[in-house]
Structure formats: C-alpha cells, structure tokens
Amino acid sequence: MSQRILVAEDEMVVAFDLCDTVEEAGFEVEGPHAGISSAMLAFQKEKPALAILDISLDDGNVFPLAQKLAAEDVPLIFHSGRHTREEIKAKFPTAITLMKPCPPAEVLRAVNDVLDECEASRD
C-alpha cells in the first residue's frame, strides 16, 4: 500500500507539479488543496503519512493546520518562497523547509528522508 501525502499549495502550476512529482514516485496524493479548510477536511477524513505545505494559502496562513498535523505526529515539509528556514524552524523545529523554486529531485529526497526517518523511529 502506498503512503498518502497531503499537498496544500495555492499556486496551481506549482501544486500540480508537486502532486505529479510525488505521484510518479509511487505515493498516493491527497490534493492539491488551495485552502486550509479543504486540506483540514482531507486530514480529518484520513491522516496522511506526510504533509507538504505552502505557508500562504487562499484562505490564510497554514500554521494552524500545521500545528494540528504536528499534534497528530504527521511530519511536515514546508514549501515556501516567502518565509525563511529560521522563521519556520522557530515554530516547527522538526519540519523540513524547501525554498521555492525547488527541483523535483530535492522534493523527493526530502519526502523519502522524512518517511525513512519515521520508519526508523518506529522500529
């Protein structure tokens, strides 16, 4: 069974590129969600293995959703062009931050690293 990855990104070109990248690597994609409310609904229906989040979505800042995901032990990858790694690290110390534009290979490396780390911590 493939692992489910939630994608929340409001720039549609970037969103579909992210989804394609993750899907082509064999993961199941939930999204893309352009807003916090639809991403939250998807998360409530089924907990993802990982979430890739843009920080500024159509309906606001993603941090409240990220806090709920983190509280449920969902690993986070922030995909942002506006916030620095330091800003994000201060709020979410265990999250990974990828700065836009980010090559697909770097996105997949981050996804695999995070999921491998989760797997190792369960063993």
PDB file of N, CA and C in Angstrom:
ATOM      1  N   MET A   1       0.850  -1.195   0.000  1.00  0.00           N
ATOM      2  CA  MET A   1       0.000   0.000   0.000  1.00  0.00           C
ATOM      3  C   MET A   1       0.889   1.250   0.000  1.00  0.00           C
ATOM      4  N   SER A   2       0.583   2.176  -0.886  1.00  0.00           N
ATOM      5  CA  SER A   2       1.415   3.387  -0.966  1.00  0.00           C
ATOM      6  C   SER A   2       1.059   4.358   0.158  1.00  0.00           C
ATOM      7  N   GLN A   3       2.035   5.168   0.521  1.00  0.00           N
ATOM      8  CA  GLN A   3       1.823   6.143   1.584  1.00  0.00           C
ATOM      9  C   GLN A   3       1.139   7.379   1.026  1.00  0.00           C
ATOM     10  N   ARG A   4       0.251   7.950   1.831  1.00  0.00           N
ATOM     11  CA  ARG A   4      -0.568   9.098   1.428  1.00  0.00           C
ATOM     12  C   ARG A   4       0.116  10.393   1.847  1.00  0.00           C
ATOM     13  N   ILE A   5       0.236  11.307   0.896  1.00  0.00           N
ATOM     14  CA  ILE A   5       0.865  12.603   1.155  1.00  0.00           C
ATOM     15  C   ILE A   5      -0.136  13.710   0.852  1.00  0.00           C
ATOM     16  N   LEU A   6      -0.347  14.559   1.845  1.00  0.00           N
ATOM     17  CA  LEU A   6      -1.253  15.696   1.696  1.00  0.00           C
ATOM     18  C   LEU A   6      -0.467  16.870   1.106  1.00  0.00           C
ATOM     19  N   VAL A   7      -1.001  17.468   0.060  1.00  0.00           N
ATOM     20  CA  VAL A   7      -0.358  18.626  -0.565  1.00  0.00           C
ATOM     21  C   VAL A   7      -1.297  19.828  -0.466  1.00  0.00           C
ATOM     22  N   ALA A   8      -0.805  20.893   0.183  1.00  0.00           N
ATOM     23  CA  ALA A   8      -1.563  22.141   0.298  1.00  0.00           C
ATOM     24  C   ALA A   8      -0.732  23.245  -0.350  1.00  0.00           C
ATOM     25  N   GLU A   9      -1.184  23.706  -1.500  1.00  0.00           N
ATOM     26  CA  GLU A   9      -0.461  24.697  -2.305  1.00  0.00           C
ATOM     27  C   GLU A   9      -1.479  25.449  -3.138  1.00  0.00           C
ATOM     28  N   ASP A  10      -1.459  26.798  -3.093  1.00  0.00           N
ATOM     29  CA  ASP A  10      -2.467  27.577  -3.813  1.00  0.00           C
ATOM     30  C   ASP A  10      -2.030  28.048  -5.194  1.00  0.00           C
ATOM     31  N   GLU A  11      -0.759  27.933  -5.521  1.00  0.00           N
ATOM     32  CA  GLU A  11      -0.317  28.260  -6.888  1.00  0.00           C
ATOM     33  C   GLU A  11      -0.474  26.989  -7.708  1.00  0.00           C
ATOM     34  N   MET A  12      -1.492  26.965  -8.570  1.00  0.00           N
ATOM     35  CA  MET A  12      -1.884  25.722  -9.233  1.00  0.00           C
ATOM     36  C   MET A  12      -0.778  25.069 -10.066  1.00  0.00           C
ATOM     37  N   VAL A  13       0.031  25.843 -10.754  1.00  0.00           N
ATOM     38  CA  VAL A  13       1.122  25.253 -11.544  1.00  0.00           C
ATOM     39  C   VAL A  13       2.084  24.516 -10.616  1.00  0.00           C
ATOM     40  N   VAL A  14       2.440  25.166  -9.523  1.00  0.00           N
ATOM     41  CA  VAL A  14       3.337  24.564  -8.528  1.00  0.00           C
ATOM     42  C   VAL A  14       2.649  23.358  -7.890  1.00  0.00           C
ATOM     43  N   ALA A  15       1.378  23.492  -7.569  1.00  0.00           N
ATOM     44  CA  ALA A  15       0.622  22.425  -6.910  1.00  0.00           C
ATOM     45  C   ALA A  15       0.584  21.157  -7.764  1.00  0.00           C
ATOM     46  N   PHE A  16       0.245  21.310  -9.045  1.00  0.00           N
ATOM     47  CA  PHE A  16       0.157  20.132  -9.903  1.00  0.00           C
ATOM     48  C   PHE A  16       1.527  19.529 -10.160  1.00  0.00           C
ATOM     49  N   ASP A  17       2.555  20.359 -10.230  1.00  0.00           N
ATOM     50  CA  ASP A  17       3.916  19.874 -10.390  1.00  0.00           C
ATOM     51  C   ASP A  17       4.328  19.040  -9.171  1.00  0.00           C
ATOM     52  N   LEU A  18       4.040  19.555  -7.988  1.00  0.00           N
ATOM     53  CA  LEU A  18       4.333  18.824  -6.742  1.00  0.00           C
ATOM     54  C   LEU A  18       3.596  17.490  -6.707  1.00  0.00           C
ATOM     55  N   CYS A  19       2.309  17.536  -7.009  1.00  0.00           N
ATOM     56  CA  CYS A  19       1.491  16.316  -6.988  1.00  0.00           C
ATOM     57  C   CYS A  19       2.006  15.292  -7.983  1.00  0.00           C
ATOM     58  N   ASP A  20       2.330  15.731  -9.196  1.00  0.00           N
ATOM     59  CA  ASP A  20       2.862  14.819 -10.216  1.00  0.00           C
ATOM     60  C   ASP A  20       4.171  14.190  -9.762  1.00  0.00           C
ATOM     61  N   THR A  21       5.053  15.013  -9.198  1.00  0.00           N
ATOM     62  CA  THR A  21       6.355  14.541  -8.722  1.00  0.00           C
ATOM     63  C   THR A  21       6.177  13.437  -7.687  1.00  0.00           C
ATOM     64  N   VAL A  22       5.312  13.678  -6.719  1.00  0.00           N
ATOM     65  CA  VAL A  22       5.093  12.737  -5.624  1.00  0.00           C
ATOM     66  C   VAL A  22       4.386  11.473  -6.120  1.00  0.00           C
ATOM     67  N   GLU A  23       3.403  11.660  -7.004  1.00  0.00           N
ATOM     68  CA  GLU A  23       2.640  10.529  -7.534  1.00  0.00           C
ATOM     69  C   GLU A  23       3.520   9.626  -8.408  1.00  0.00           C
ATOM     70  N   GLU A  24       4.347  10.250  -9.240  1.00  0.00           N
ATOM     71  CA  GLU A  24       5.234   9.474 -10.115  1.00  0.00           C
ATOM     72  C   GLU A  24       6.246   8.657  -9.318  1.00  0.00           C
ATOM     73  N   ALA A  25       6.510   9.081  -8.078  1.00  0.00           N
ATOM     74  CA  ALA A  25       7.439   8.346  -7.211  1.00  0.00           C
ATOM     75  C   ALA A  25       6.725   7.205  -6.480  1.00  0.00           C
ATOM     76  N   GLY A  26       5.434   7.035  -6.743  1.00  0.00           N
ATOM     77  CA  GLY A  26       4.705   5.906  -6.182  1.00  0.00           C
ATOM     78  C   GLY A  26       3.887   6.189  -4.936  1.00  0.00           C
ATOM     79  N   PHE A  27       3.753   7.456  -4.578  1.00  0.00           N
ATOM     80  CA  PHE A  27       2.960   7.813  -3.401  1.00  0.00           C
ATOM     81  C   PHE A  27       1.533   8.142  -3.812  1.00  0.00           C
ATOM     82  N   GLU A  28       0.621   8.020  -2.865  1.00  0.00           N
ATOM     83  CA  GLU A  28      -0.759   8.435  -3.087  1.00  0.00           C
ATOM     84  C   GLU A  28      -0.854   9.901  -2.680  1.00  0.00           C
ATOM     85  N   VAL A  29      -1.475  10.719  -3.527  1.00  0.00           N
ATOM     86  CA  VAL A  29      -1.551  12.153  -3.255  1.00  0.00           C
ATOM     87  C   VAL A  29      -2.947  12.550  -2.824  1.00  0.00           C
ATOM     88  N   GLU A  30      -3.019  13.320  -1.755  1.00  0.00           N
ATOM     89  CA  GLU A  30      -4.266  13.941  -1.306  1.00  0.00           C
ATOM     90  C   GLU A  30      -4.134  15.420  -1.618  1.00  0.00           C
ATOM     91  N   GLY A  31      -4.823  15.855  -2.664  1.00  0.00           N
ATOM     92  CA  GLY A  31      -4.733  17.258  -3.047  1.00  0.00           C
ATOM     93  C   GLY A  31      -4.531  17.400  -4.537  1.00  0.00           C
ATOM     94  N   PRO A  32      -4.166  18.565  -4.962  1.00  0.00           N
ATOM     95  CA  PRO A  32      -3.718  19.694  -4.154  1.00  0.00           C
ATOM     96  C   PRO A  32      -4.893  20.467  -3.541  1.00  0.00           C
ATOM     97  N   HIS A  33      -4.645  20.998  -2.370  1.00  0.00           N
ATOM     98  CA  HIS A  33      -5.625  21.830  -1.675  1.00  0.00           C
ATOM     99  C   HIS A  33      -5.121  23.269  -1.706  1.00  0.00           C
ATOM    100  N   ALA A  34      -5.950  24.157  -2.244  1.00  0.00           N
ATOM    101  CA  ALA A  34      -5.564  25.563  -2.343  1.00  0.00           C
ATOM    102  C   ALA A  34      -5.866  26.326  -1.057  1.00  0.00           C
ATOM    103  N   GLY A  35      -6.665  25.714  -0.188  1.00  0.00           N
ATOM    104  CA  GLY A  35      -7.051  26.400   1.045  1.00  0.00           C
ATOM    105  C   GLY A  35      -6.911  25.516   2.269  1.00  0.00           C
ATOM    106  N   ILE A  36      -6.839  26.165   3.409  1.00  0.00           N
ATOM    107  CA  ILE A  36      -6.689  25.467   4.678  1.00  0.00           C
ATOM    108  C   ILE A  36      -7.914  24.607   4.976  1.00  0.00           C
ATOM    109  N   SER A  37      -9.101  25.140   4.711  1.00  0.00           N
ATOM    110  CA  SER A  37     -10.320  24.415   5.068  1.00  0.00           C
ATOM    111  C   SER A  37     -10.430  23.085   4.328  1.00  0.00           C
ATOM    112  N   SER A  38     -10.128  23.045   3.041  1.00  0.00           N
ATOM    113  CA  SER A  38     -10.231  21.774   2.316  1.00  0.00           C
ATOM    114  C   SER A  38      -9.112  20.815   2.739  1.00  0.00           C
ATOM    115  N   ALA A  39      -7.924  21.340   3.019  1.00  0.00           N
ATOM    116  CA  ALA A  39      -6.829  20.494   3.491  1.00  0.00           C
ATOM    117  C   ALA A  39      -7.163  19.916   4.866  1.00  0.00           C
ATOM    118  N   MET A  40      -7.764  20.728   5.724  1.00  0.00           N
ATOM    119  CA  MET A  40      -8.149  20.281   7.060  1.00  0.00           C
ATOM    120  C   MET A  40      -9.192  19.166   6.969  1.00  0.00           C
ATOM    121  N   LEU A  41     -10.156  19.339   6.074  1.00  0.00           N
ATOM    122  CA  LEU A  41     -11.199  18.331   5.878  1.00  0.00           C
ATOM    123  C   LEU A  41     -10.580  17.012   5.421  1.00  0.00           C
ATOM    124  N   ALA A  42      -9.655  17.086   4.481  1.00  0.00           N
ATOM    125  CA  ALA A  42      -8.981  15.879   3.986  1.00  0.00           C
ATOM    126  C   ALA A  42      -8.207  15.196   5.113  1.00  0.00           C
ATOM    127  N   PHE A  43      -7.535  15.980   5.934  1.00  0.00           N
ATOM    128  CA  PHE A  43      -6.771  15.448   7.064  1.00  0.00           C
ATOM    129  C   PHE A  43      -7.701  14.769   8.074  1.00  0.00           C
ATOM    130  N   GLN A  44      -8.873  15.370   8.308  1.00  0.00           N
ATOM    131  CA  GLN A  44      -9.816  14.796   9.263  1.00  0.00           C
ATOM    132  C   GLN A  44     -10.393  13.473   8.756  1.00  0.00           C
ATOM    133  N   LYS A  45     -10.526  13.339   7.433  1.00  0.00           N
ATOM    134  CA  LYS A  45     -11.046  12.100   6.848  1.00  0.00           C
ATOM    135  C   LYS A  45     -10.027  10.980   6.936  1.00  0.00           C
ATOM    136  N   GLU A  46      -8.770  11.305   6.639  1.00  0.00           N
ATOM    137  CA  GLU A  46      -7.724  10.290   6.673  1.00  0.00           C
ATOM    138  C   GLU A  46      -6.372  10.940   6.950  1.00  0.00           C
ATOM    139  N   LYS A  47      -5.718  10.470   7.995  1.00  0.00           N
ATOM    140  CA  LYS A  47      -4.422  11.015   8.396  1.00  0.00           C
ATOM    141  C   LYS A  47      -3.362  10.634   7.357  1.00  0.00           C
ATOM    142  N   PRO A  48      -2.647  11.639   6.831  1.00  0.00           N
ATOM    143  CA  PRO A  48      -1.602  11.343   5.842  1.00  0.00           C
ATOM    144  C   PRO A  48      -0.306  10.880   6.520  1.00  0.00           C
ATOM    145  N   ALA A  49       0.577  10.276   5.731  1.00  0.00           N
ATOM    146  CA  ALA A  49       1.891   9.868   6.231  1.00  0.00           C
ATOM    147  C   ALA A  49       2.801  11.085   6.348  1.00  0.00           C
ATOM    148  N   LEU A  50       2.479  12.127   5.571  1.00  0.00           N
ATOM    149  CA  LEU A  50       3.330  13.313   5.462  1.00  0.00           C
ATOM    150  C   LEU A  50       2.506  14.436   4.844  1.00  0.00           C
ATOM    151  N   ALA A  51       2.860  15.685   5.155  1.00  0.00           N
ATOM    152  CA  ALA A  51       2.182  16.831   4.533  1.00  0.00           C
ATOM    153  C   ALA A  51       3.221  17.777   3.936  1.00  0.00           C
ATOM    154  N   ILE A  52       2.963  18.200   2.703  1.00  0.00           N
ATOM    155  CA  ILE A  52       3.779  19.226   2.053  1.00  0.00           C
ATOM    156  C   ILE A  52       2.909  20.475   2.000  1.00  0.00           C
ATOM    157  N   LEU A  53       3.362  21.528   2.676  1.00  0.00           N
ATOM    158  CA  LEU A  53       2.523  22.708   2.861  1.00  0.00           C
ATOM    159  C   LEU A  53       3.188  23.987   2.377  1.00  0.00           C
ATOM    160  N   ASP A  54       2.452  24.744   1.552  1.00  0.00           N
ATOM    161  CA  ASP A  54       2.839  26.124   1.275  1.00  0.00           C
ATOM    162  C   ASP A  54       2.365  26.905   2.506  1.00  0.00           C
ATOM    163  N   ILE A  55       3.015  27.980   2.821  1.00  0.00           N
ATOM    164  CA  ILE A  55       2.646  28.699   4.043  1.00  0.00           C
ATOM    165  C   ILE A  55       1.454  29.624   3.834  1.00  0.00           C
ATOM    166  N   SER A  56       1.409  30.314   2.696  1.00  0.00           N
ATOM    167  CA  SER A  56       0.291  31.216   2.415  1.00  0.00           C
ATOM    168  C   SER A  56      -0.663  30.547   1.438  1.00  0.00           C
ATOM    169  N   LEU A  57      -1.856  30.202   1.930  1.00  0.00           N
ATOM    170  CA  LEU A  57      -2.868  29.581   1.076  1.00  0.00           C
ATOM    171  C   LEU A  57      -3.983  30.579   0.798  1.00  0.00           C
ATOM    172  N   ASP A  58      -4.926  30.176  -0.054  1.00  0.00           N
ATOM    173  CA  ASP A  58      -6.027  31.069  -0.452  1.00  0.00           C
ATOM    174  C   ASP A  58      -6.771  31.676   0.725  1.00  0.00           C
ATOM    175  N   ASP A  59      -6.948  30.888   1.790  1.00  0.00           N
ATOM    176  CA  ASP A  59      -7.749  31.370   2.913  1.00  0.00           C
ATOM    177  C   ASP A  59      -6.920  31.651   4.166  1.00  0.00           C
ATOM    178  N   GLY A  60      -5.628  31.909   3.989  1.00  0.00           N
ATOM    179  CA  GLY A  60      -4.821  32.327   5.135  1.00  0.00           C
ATOM    180  C   GLY A  60      -3.521  31.577   5.307  1.00  0.00           C
ATOM    181  N   ASN A  61      -2.944  31.757   6.474  1.00  0.00           N
ATOM    182  CA  ASN A  61      -1.662  31.176   6.837  1.00  0.00           C
ATOM    183  C   ASN A  61      -1.860  29.720   7.286  1.00  0.00           C
ATOM    184  N   VAL A  62      -1.000  28.841   6.827  1.00  0.00           N
ATOM    185  CA  VAL A  62      -1.150  27.403   7.051  1.00  0.00           C
ATOM    186  C   VAL A  62      -0.743  26.933   8.455  1.00  0.00           C
ATOM    187  N   PHE A  63      -0.149  27.815   9.254  1.00  0.00           N
ATOM    188  CA  PHE A  63       0.379  27.384  10.549  1.00  0.00           C
ATOM    189  C   PHE A  63      -0.654  26.712  11.468  1.00  0.00           C
ATOM    190  N   PRO A  64      -1.920  27.182  11.550  1.00  0.00           N
ATOM    191  CA  PRO A  64      -2.888  26.468  12.405  1.00  0.00           C
ATOM    192  C   PRO A  64      -3.095  25.009  11.951  1.00  0.00           C
ATOM    193  N   LEU A  65      -3.168  24.787  10.648  1.00  0.00           N
ATOM    194  CA  LEU A  65      -3.284  23.419  10.117  1.00  0.00           C
ATOM    195  C   LEU A  65      -2.013  22.636  10.444  1.00  0.00           C
ATOM    196  N   ALA A  66      -0.865  23.258  10.259  1.00  0.00           N
ATOM    197  CA  ALA A  66       0.409  22.589  10.534  1.00  0.00           C
ATOM    198  C   ALA A  66       0.492  22.170  12.000  1.00  0.00           C
ATOM    199  N   GLN A  67      -0.012  23.014  12.902  1.00  0.00           N
ATOM    200  CA  GLN A  67       0.003  22.671  14.327  1.00  0.00           C
ATOM    201  C   GLN A  67      -0.861  21.450  14.610  1.00  0.00           C
ATOM    202  N   LYS A  68      -2.024  21.372  13.963  1.00  0.00           N
ATOM    203  CA  LYS A  68      -2.906  20.213  14.144  1.00  0.00           C
ATOM    204  C   LYS A  68      -2.249  18.950  13.586  1.00  0.00           C
ATOM    205  N   LEU A  69      -1.624  19.059  12.420  1.00  0.00           N
ATOM    206  CA  LEU A  69      -0.926  17.919  11.828  1.00  0.00           C
ATOM    207  C   LEU A  69       0.214  17.465  12.742  1.00  0.00           C
ATOM    208  N   ALA A  70       1.007  18.411  13.218  1.00  0.00           N
ATOM    209  CA  ALA A  70       2.146  18.090  14.087  1.00  0.00           C
ATOM    210  C   ALA A  70       1.671  17.436  15.386  1.00  0.00           C
ATOM    211  N   ALA A  71       0.539  17.892  15.904  1.00  0.00           N
ATOM    212  CA  ALA A  71      -0.005  17.311  17.130  1.00  0.00           C
ATOM    213  C   ALA A  71      -0.403  15.850  16.936  1.00  0.00           C
ATOM    214  N   GLU A  72      -0.684  15.483  15.691  1.00  0.00           N
ATOM    215  CA  GLU A  72      -1.042  14.097  15.352  1.00  0.00           C
ATOM    216  C   GLU A  72       0.175  13.327  14.813  1.00  0.00           C
ATOM    217  N   ASP A  73       1.359  13.891  15.014  1.00  0.00           N
ATOM    218  CA  ASP A  73       2.618  13.263  14.573  1.00  0.00           C
ATOM    219  C   ASP A  73       2.721  13.069  13.062  1.00  0.00           C
ATOM    220  N   VAL A  74       2.126  13.987  12.309  1.00  0.00           N
ATOM    221  CA  VAL A  74       2.283  13.968  10.857  1.00  0.00           C
ATOM    222  C   VAL A  74       3.513  14.816  10.537  1.00  0.00           C
ATOM    223  N   PRO A  75       4.540  14.227   9.905  1.00  0.00           N
ATOM    224  CA  PRO A  75       5.729  15.009   9.555  1.00  0.00           C
ATOM    225  C   PRO A  75       5.382  16.100   8.536  1.00  0.00           C
ATOM    226  N   LEU A  76       6.088  17.225   8.634  1.00  0.00           N
ATOM    227  CA  LEU A  76       5.796  18.385   7.792  1.00  0.00           C
ATOM    228  C   LEU A  76       6.986  18.762   6.920  1.00  0.00           C
ATOM    229  N   ILE A  77       6.668  19.081   5.670  1.00  0.00           N
ATOM    230  CA  ILE A  77       7.633  19.717   4.773  1.00  0.00           C
ATOM    231  C   ILE A  77       6.969  21.015   4.324  1.00  0.00           C
ATOM    232  N   PHE A  78       7.595  22.134   4.669  1.00  0.00           N
ATOM    233  CA  PHE A  78       7.081  23.424   4.211  1.00  0.00           C
ATOM    234  C   PHE A  78       7.754  23.746   2.885  1.00  0.00           C
ATOM    235  N   HIS A  79       6.945  24.241   1.952  1.00  0.00           N
ATOM    236  CA  HIS A  79       7.402  24.564   0.606  1.00  0.00           C
ATOM    237  C   HIS A  79       7.054  26.033   0.402  1.00  0.00           C
ATOM    238  N   SER A  80       8.042  26.910   0.596  1.00  0.00           N
ATOM    239  CA  SER A  80       7.728  28.335   0.656  1.00  0.00           C
ATOM    240  C   SER A  80       8.714  29.182  -0.133  1.00  0.00           C
ATOM    241  N   GLY A  81       8.236  30.290  -0.607  1.00  0.00           N
ATOM    242  CA  GLY A  81       9.094  31.251  -1.271  1.00  0.00           C
ATOM    243  C   GLY A  81       9.243  32.523  -0.460  1.00  0.00           C
ATOM    244  N   ARG A  82       8.466  32.640   0.615  1.00  0.00           N
ATOM    245  CA  ARG A  82       8.419  33.900   1.360  1.00  0.00           C
ATOM    246  C   ARG A  82       9.005  33.835   2.773  1.00  0.00           C
ATOM    247  N   HIS A  83       9.026  32.667   3.372  1.00  0.00           N
ATOM    248  CA  HIS A  83       9.478  32.539   4.758  1.00  0.00           C
ATOM    249  C   HIS A  83      10.844  31.869   4.805  1.00  0.00           C
ATOM    250  N   THR A  84      11.658  32.292   5.736  1.00  0.00           N
ATOM    251  CA  THR A  84      12.997  31.712   5.846  1.00  0.00           C
ATOM    252  C   THR A  84      12.951  30.416   6.653  1.00  0.00           C
ATOM    253  N   ARG A  85      13.965  29.600   6.447  1.00  0.00           N
ATOM    254  CA  ARG A  85      14.085  28.357   7.211  1.00  0.00           C
ATOM    255  C   ARG A  85      14.087  28.648   8.712  1.00  0.00           C
ATOM    256  N   GLU A  86      14.734  29.745   9.094  1.00  0.00           N
ATOM    257  CA  GLU A  86      14.837  30.095  10.515  1.00  0.00           C
ATOM    258  C   GLU A  86      13.468  30.409  11.104  1.00  0.00           C
ATOM    259  N   GLU A  87      12.648  31.171  10.358  1.00  0.00           N
ATOM    260  CA  GLU A  87      11.296  31.500  10.826  1.00  0.00           C
ATOM    261  C   GLU A  87      10.486  30.229  11.071  1.00  0.00           C
ATOM    262  N   ILE A  88      10.565  29.317  10.126  1.00  0.00           N
ATOM    263  CA  ILE A  88       9.787  28.080  10.211  1.00  0.00           C
ATOM    264  C   ILE A  88      10.342  27.179  11.317  1.00  0.00           C
ATOM    265  N   LYS A  89      11.657  27.080  11.403  1.00  0.00           N
ATOM    266  CA  LYS A  89      12.318  26.245  12.421  1.00  0.00           C
ATOM    267  C   LYS A  89      11.913  26.697  13.826  1.00  0.00           C
ATOM    268  N   ALA A  90      11.729  27.999  14.008  1.00  0.00           N
ATOM    269  CA  ALA A  90      11.332  28.532  15.318  1.00  0.00           C
ATOM    270  C   ALA A  90       9.951  28.018  15.727  1.00  0.00           C
ATOM    271  N   LYS A  91       9.039  27.876  14.757  1.00  0.00           N
ATOM    272  CA  LYS A  91       7.680  27.413  15.039  1.00  0.00           C
ATOM    273  C   LYS A  91       7.569  25.885  15.013  1.00  0.00           C
ATOM    274  N   PHE A  92       8.292  25.271  14.080  1.00  0.00           N
ATOM    275  CA  PHE A  92       8.197  23.822  13.864  1.00  0.00           C
ATOM    276  C   PHE A  92       9.609  23.247  13.755  1.00  0.00           C
ATOM    277  N   PRO A  93      10.244  22.996  14.902  1.00  0.00           N
ATOM    278  CA  PRO A  93      11.655  22.591  14.910  1.00  0.00           C
ATOM    279  C   PRO A  93      11.976  21.310  14.145  1.00  0.00           C
ATOM    280  N   THR A  94      11.014  20.397  14.036  1.00  0.00           N
ATOM    281  CA  THR A  94      11.301  19.130  13.347  1.00  0.00           C
ATOM    282  C   THR A  94      10.944  19.155  11.858  1.00  0.00           C
ATOM    283  N   ALA A  95      10.321  20.225  11.403  1.00  0.00           N
ATOM    284  CA  ALA A  95       9.894  20.306   9.997  1.00  0.00           C
ATOM    285  C   ALA A  95      11.084  20.583   9.079  1.00  0.00           C
ATOM    286  N   ILE A  96      10.911  20.170   7.839  1.00  0.00           N
ATOM    287  CA  ILE A  96      11.888  20.477   6.797  1.00  0.00           C
ATOM    288  C   ILE A  96      11.323  21.643   5.987  1.00  0.00           C
ATOM    289  N   THR A  97      12.187  22.532   5.560  1.00  0.00           N
ATOM    290  CA  THR A  97      11.762  23.658   4.731  1.00  0.00           C
ATOM    291  C   THR A  97      12.458  23.586   3.384  1.00  0.00           C
ATOM    292  N   LEU A  98      11.670  23.613   2.326  1.00  0.00           N
ATOM    293  CA  LEU A  98      12.193  23.676   0.960  1.00  0.00           C
ATOM    294  C   LEU A  98      11.837  25.042   0.400  1.00  0.00           C
ATOM    295  N   MET A  99      12.826  25.738  -0.121  1.00  0.00           N
ATOM    296  CA  MET A  99      12.566  27.066  -0.664  1.00  0.00           C
ATOM    297  C   MET A  99      12.170  26.955  -2.139  1.00  0.00           C
ATOM    298  N   LYS A 100      11.115  27.700  -2.520  1.00  0.00           N
ATOM    299  CA  LYS A 100      10.688  27.737  -3.929  1.00  0.00           C
ATOM    300  C   LYS A 100      11.642  28.619  -4.714  1.00  0.00           C
ATOM    301  N   PRO A 101      11.891  28.305  -5.959  1.00  0.00           N
ATOM    302  CA  PRO A 101      11.508  27.071  -6.652  1.00  0.00           C
ATOM    303  C   PRO A 101      12.405  25.918  -6.204  1.00  0.00           C
ATOM    304  N   CYS A 102      11.812  24.758  -6.092  1.00  0.00           N
ATOM    305  CA  CYS A 102      12.539  23.588  -5.606  1.00  0.00           C
ATOM    306  C   CYS A 102      12.484  22.493  -6.670  1.00  0.00           C
ATOM    307  N   PRO A 103      13.645  21.990  -7.096  1.00  0.00           N
ATOM    308  CA  PRO A 103      13.652  20.931  -8.112  1.00  0.00           C
ATOM    309  C   PRO A 103      12.951  19.668  -7.611  1.00  0.00           C
ATOM    310  N   PRO A 104      12.267  18.949  -8.497  1.00  0.00           N
ATOM    311  CA  PRO A 104      11.558  17.725  -8.106  1.00  0.00           C
ATOM    312  C   PRO A 104      12.446  16.729  -7.356  1.00  0.00           C
ATOM    313  N   ALA A 105      13.684  16.587  -7.774  1.00  0.00           N
ATOM    314  CA  ALA A 105      14.581  15.629  -7.107  1.00  0.00           C
ATOM    315  C   ALA A 105      14.789  16.003  -5.642  1.00  0.00           C
ATOM    316  N   GLU A 106      14.857  17.293  -5.359  1.00  0.00           N
ATOM    317  CA  GLU A 106      15.042  17.750  -3.977  1.00  0.00           C
ATOM    318  C   GLU A 106      13.779  17.500  -3.147  1.00  0.00           C
ATOM    319  N   VAL A 107      12.616  17.696  -3.767  1.00  0.00           N
ATOM    320  CA  VAL A 107      11.347  17.420  -3.087  1.00  0.00           C
ATOM    321  C   VAL A 107      11.292  15.937  -2.715  1.00  0.00           C
ATOM    322  N   LEU A 108      11.598  15.067  -3.673  1.00  0.00           N
ATOM    323  CA  LEU A 108      11.540  13.622  -3.417  1.00  0.00           C
ATOM    324  C   LEU A 108      12.572  13.182  -2.388  1.00  0.00           C
ATOM    325  N   ARG A 109      13.742  13.786  -2.427  1.00  0.00           N
ATOM    326  CA  ARG A 109      14.767  13.456  -1.432  1.00  0.00           C
ATOM    327  C   ARG A 109      14.239  13.782  -0.037  1.00  0.00           C
ATOM    328  N   ALA A 110      13.629  14.955   0.118  1.00  0.00           N
ATOM    329  CA  ALA A 110      13.082  15.366   1.410  1.00  0.00           C
ATOM    330  C   ALA A 110      11.963  14.422   1.854  1.00  0.00           C
ATOM    331  N   VAL A 111      11.062  14.082   0.938  1.00  0.00           N
ATOM    332  CA  VAL A 111       9.948  13.176   1.251  1.00  0.00           C
ATOM    333  C   VAL A 111      10.493  11.822   1.714  1.00  0.00           C
ATOM    334  N   ASN A 112      11.423  11.269   0.952  1.00  0.00           N
ATOM    335  CA  ASN A 112      11.982   9.961   1.307  1.00  0.00           C
ATOM    336  C   ASN A 112      12.767  10.005   2.613  1.00  0.00           C
ATOM    337  N   ASP A 113      13.530  11.076   2.830  1.00  0.00           N
ATOM    338  CA  ASP A 113      14.291  11.214   4.077  1.00  0.00           C
ATOM    339  C   ASP A 113      13.354  11.250   5.285  1.00  0.00           C
ATOM    340  N   VAL A 114      12.294  12.047   5.182  1.00  0.00           N
ATOM    341  CA  VAL A 114      11.348  12.179   6.296  1.00  0.00           C
ATOM    342  C   VAL A 114      10.652  10.845   6.567  1.00  0.00           C
ATOM    343  N   LEU A 115      10.182  10.178   5.521  1.00  0.00           N
ATOM    344  CA  LEU A 115       9.479   8.920   5.709  1.00  0.00           C
ATOM    345  C   LEU A 115      10.411   7.819   6.214  1.00  0.00           C
ATOM    346  N   ASP A 116      11.660   7.802   5.736  1.00  0.00           N
ATOM    347  CA  ASP A 116      12.648   6.843   6.231  1.00  0.00           C
ATOM    348  C   ASP A 116      12.927   7.068   7.712  1.00  0.00           C
ATOM    349  N   GLU A 117      13.032   8.332   8.092  1.00  0.00           N
ATOM    350  CA  GLU A 117      13.263   8.681   9.495  1.00  0.00           C
ATOM    351  C   GLU A 117      12.102   8.226  10.378  1.00  0.00           C
ATOM    352  N   CYS A 118      10.874   8.414   9.882  1.00  0.00           N
ATOM    353  CA  CYS A 118       9.687   7.980  10.627  1.00  0.00           C
ATOM    354  C   CYS A 118       9.689   6.467  10.793  1.00  0.00           C
ATOM    355  N   GLU A 119      10.027   5.773   9.736  1.00  0.00           N
ATOM    356  CA  GLU A 119      10.084   4.318   9.754  1.00  0.00           C
ATOM    357  C   GLU A 119      11.131   3.836  10.761  1.00  0.00           C
ATOM    358  N   ALA A 120      12.283   4.475  10.753  1.00  0.00           N
ATOM    359  CA  ALA A 120      13.369   4.094  11.651  1.00  0.00           C
ATOM    360  C   ALA A 120      12.994   4.339  13.118  1.00  0.00           C
ATOM    361  N   SER A 121      12.254   5.415  13.372  1.00  0.00           N
ATOM    362  CA  SER A 121      11.883   5.717  14.751  1.00  0.00           C
ATOM    363  C   SER A 121      10.808   4.762  15.272  1.00  0.00           C
ATOM    364  N   ARG A 122      10.071   4.108  14.365  1.00  0.00           N
ATOM    365  CA  ARG A 122       9.048   3.139  14.774  1.00  0.00           C
ATOM    366  C   ARG A 122       9.671   1.787  15.119  1.00  0.00           C
ATOM    367  N   ASP A 123      10.808   1.487  14.494  1.00  0.00           N
ATOM    368  CA  ASP A 123      11.468   0.181  14.709  1.00  0.00           C
ATOM    369  C   ASP A 123      12.063   0.047  16.078  1.00  0.00           C
TER     370      ASP A 123
END
